[in-house]
N, C-alpha and C. Protein backbone atom coordinates (compact mmCIF):
# COMPACT_ATOMS: atom_id res chain seq x y z
N MET A 1 109.44 82.69 96.60
CA MET A 1 109.15 84.25 96.48
C MET A 1 110.26 84.66 95.27
N THR A 2 111.37 84.06 95.48
CA THR A 2 112.62 84.36 94.22
C THR A 2 111.95 83.99 92.95
N ALA A 3 111.27 82.95 92.72
CA ALA A 3 110.72 82.63 91.53
C ALA A 3 109.79 83.41 90.85
N ILE A 4 108.81 84.05 91.85
CA ILE A 4 107.74 85.02 91.57
C ILE A 4 108.57 86.42 91.09
N LEU A 5 109.60 86.83 91.96
CA LEU A 5 110.27 87.95 91.63
C LEU A 5 111.05 87.94 90.35
N GLN A 6 111.45 86.76 89.89
CA GLN A 6 111.99 86.64 88.39
C GLN A 6 111.18 86.62 87.44
N LEU A 7 109.94 85.86 87.72
CA LEU A 7 108.64 86.16 86.72
C LEU A 7 108.37 87.66 86.56
N LEU A 8 108.18 88.17 87.44
CA LEU A 8 107.90 89.81 87.32
C LEU A 8 109.01 90.79 86.59
N ARG A 9 110.25 90.15 86.21
CA ARG A 9 111.02 90.83 85.69
C ARG A 9 110.97 90.69 84.06
N SER A 10 110.21 89.79 83.86
CA SER A 10 109.61 89.34 82.52
C SER A 10 108.59 90.39 81.97
N ARG A 11 109.10 90.92 80.68
CA ARG A 11 108.09 91.99 80.14
C ARG A 11 106.81 90.99 79.60
N THR A 12 107.05 89.86 79.05
CA THR A 12 106.11 89.04 78.70
C THR A 12 105.04 88.60 79.66
N VAL A 13 105.57 88.51 80.91
CA VAL A 13 104.90 87.74 82.13
C VAL A 13 103.94 89.03 82.33
N LEU A 14 104.43 90.31 82.50
CA LEU A 14 103.94 91.34 82.94
C LEU A 14 102.77 91.75 81.92
N PHE A 15 102.94 91.62 80.43
CA PHE A 15 102.00 91.94 79.65
C PHE A 15 100.81 90.91 79.77
N ALA A 16 101.08 89.71 79.99
CA ALA A 16 100.22 88.56 80.52
C ALA A 16 99.24 89.01 81.42
N ILE A 17 99.99 89.31 82.68
CA ILE A 17 99.23 89.71 83.90
C ILE A 17 98.33 90.90 83.44
N LEU A 18 98.76 91.92 82.71
CA LEU A 18 97.88 93.18 82.36
C LEU A 18 96.67 92.61 81.57
N LEU A 19 96.89 91.62 80.44
CA LEU A 19 95.76 91.08 79.75
C LEU A 19 94.69 90.36 80.72
N ALA A 20 95.08 89.70 81.89
CA ALA A 20 94.33 88.93 82.59
C ALA A 20 93.52 89.91 83.60
N VAL A 21 94.16 91.01 83.77
CA VAL A 21 93.27 92.10 84.60
C VAL A 21 92.51 92.57 83.73
N LEU A 22 92.81 93.45 82.46
CA LEU A 22 92.00 93.83 81.39
C LEU A 22 90.78 92.84 81.09
N SER A 23 90.88 91.61 80.94
CA SER A 23 89.99 90.59 80.70
C SER A 23 88.98 90.37 81.81
N VAL A 24 89.24 90.43 83.08
CA VAL A 24 88.44 90.44 84.17
C VAL A 24 87.49 91.74 84.02
N LEU A 25 88.18 92.86 83.92
CA LEU A 25 87.42 94.11 83.97
C LEU A 25 86.34 94.09 82.77
N GLN A 26 86.91 93.68 81.66
CA GLN A 26 85.84 93.61 80.53
C GLN A 26 84.85 92.68 80.80
N GLY A 27 85.14 91.43 81.25
CA GLY A 27 83.89 90.64 81.48
C GLY A 27 82.90 90.95 82.59
N TYR A 28 83.47 91.67 83.75
CA TYR A 28 82.41 92.11 84.87
C TYR A 28 82.02 93.55 84.45
N VAL A 29 82.79 94.41 84.06
CA VAL A 29 82.21 95.89 83.86
C VAL A 29 81.86 96.41 82.47
N GLY A 30 82.55 95.39 81.52
CA GLY A 30 82.18 95.80 80.45
C GLY A 30 83.10 97.07 79.92
N LEU A 31 84.15 97.19 80.36
CA LEU A 31 85.08 98.17 80.50
C LEU A 31 85.42 98.86 78.74
N LEU A 32 85.42 98.11 78.05
CA LEU A 32 85.52 98.50 76.50
C LEU A 32 84.52 97.84 75.58
N PRO A 33 83.27 98.79 75.12
CA PRO A 33 82.29 98.32 74.53
C PRO A 33 82.93 98.20 72.88
N LEU A 34 83.61 97.03 72.50
CA LEU A 34 83.92 97.07 71.19
C LEU A 34 83.07 96.30 70.21
N SER A 35 83.03 96.60 69.13
CA SER A 35 82.47 95.88 67.91
C SER A 35 83.30 94.51 67.76
N PRO A 36 82.81 93.67 66.96
CA PRO A 36 83.54 92.25 66.51
C PRO A 36 84.80 92.64 65.82
N ILE A 37 84.71 93.65 64.92
CA ILE A 37 85.70 94.31 64.14
C ILE A 37 86.91 94.78 64.90
N GLU A 38 86.59 95.45 65.87
CA GLU A 38 87.46 96.31 66.77
C GLU A 38 87.97 95.19 67.75
N GLN A 39 87.36 93.94 68.14
CA GLN A 39 87.93 93.09 69.13
C GLN A 39 88.99 92.33 67.91
N MET A 40 88.81 92.25 66.65
CA MET A 40 89.66 91.68 65.75
C MET A 40 91.01 92.40 65.93
N TYR A 41 90.91 93.67 65.69
CA TYR A 41 92.10 94.54 65.74
C TYR A 41 92.69 94.36 67.21
N VAL A 42 91.91 94.41 68.24
CA VAL A 42 92.74 94.18 69.55
C VAL A 42 93.52 92.73 69.48
N GLY A 43 92.83 91.75 68.91
CA GLY A 43 93.41 90.37 69.00
C GLY A 43 94.90 90.64 68.10
N ILE A 44 94.64 91.10 66.96
CA ILE A 44 96.01 91.12 66.18
C ILE A 44 96.93 92.08 66.88
N ALA A 45 96.40 92.92 67.63
CA ALA A 45 97.52 93.95 68.37
C ALA A 45 98.19 93.06 69.40
N ILE A 46 97.29 92.25 70.14
CA ILE A 46 97.90 91.45 70.98
C ILE A 46 98.88 90.54 70.62
N SER A 47 98.43 89.82 69.56
CA SER A 47 99.43 88.92 68.84
C SER A 47 100.88 89.60 68.39
N VAL A 48 100.78 90.65 68.05
CA VAL A 48 101.88 91.47 67.53
C VAL A 48 102.85 91.61 68.82
N ILE A 49 102.18 92.26 69.82
CA ILE A 49 103.09 92.48 71.15
C ILE A 49 103.57 91.33 71.56
N VAL A 50 102.74 90.29 71.60
CA VAL A 50 103.43 88.82 72.29
C VAL A 50 104.70 88.26 71.14
N THR A 51 104.47 88.56 69.98
CA THR A 51 105.54 88.27 69.02
C THR A 51 106.85 88.86 69.23
N ALA A 52 106.50 90.67 69.20
CA ALA A 52 107.68 91.29 69.42
C ALA A 52 108.50 91.12 70.84
N LEU A 53 107.48 90.96 71.93
CA LEU A 53 108.33 90.42 72.99
C LEU A 53 109.31 89.29 72.91
N ARG A 54 108.58 88.10 72.35
CA ARG A 54 109.14 86.94 72.14
C ARG A 54 110.65 87.24 71.24
N ILE A 55 110.51 88.03 70.38
CA ILE A 55 111.58 88.54 69.48
C ILE A 55 112.70 88.92 70.32
N VAL A 56 112.23 90.08 71.24
CA VAL A 56 113.44 90.58 71.91
C VAL A 56 114.06 89.91 73.28
N THR A 57 113.32 88.70 73.51
CA THR A 57 113.67 87.93 74.64
C THR A 57 114.97 87.33 74.24
N THR A 58 116.20 87.53 75.15
CA THR A 58 117.27 87.12 74.79
C THR A 58 117.81 86.02 76.09
N VAL A 59 117.11 85.89 77.34
CA VAL A 59 117.60 85.01 78.20
C VAL A 59 116.44 84.58 78.98
N PRO A 60 116.60 83.21 79.24
CA PRO A 60 115.38 82.56 80.13
C PRO A 60 115.13 83.38 81.38
N ILE A 61 114.09 83.14 81.85
CA ILE A 61 113.53 83.76 82.99
C ILE A 61 114.47 83.29 84.31
N SER A 62 114.87 81.97 84.19
CA SER A 62 115.51 81.60 85.30
C SER A 62 117.10 82.08 85.59
N GLN A 63 117.42 82.98 84.26
CA GLN A 63 118.76 83.60 84.48
C GLN A 63 118.59 85.17 84.68
N LYS A 64 117.45 85.76 85.08
CA LYS A 64 117.33 87.06 85.28
C LYS A 64 117.34 87.39 86.64
């Protein structure tokens, strides 16, 4: 249980959980009707966010 709580302190992990939930919603509900170009921009935005989160990471999850 402590390991799960440690993981939930990570912004990168929280972002990954959000992406997973949105992916499921998109797959089942078609929440965001996006064209291929818009999907490309979303993919770029996700990549930029993950990179930014990695840059601001200063301590391993095990030390949180």
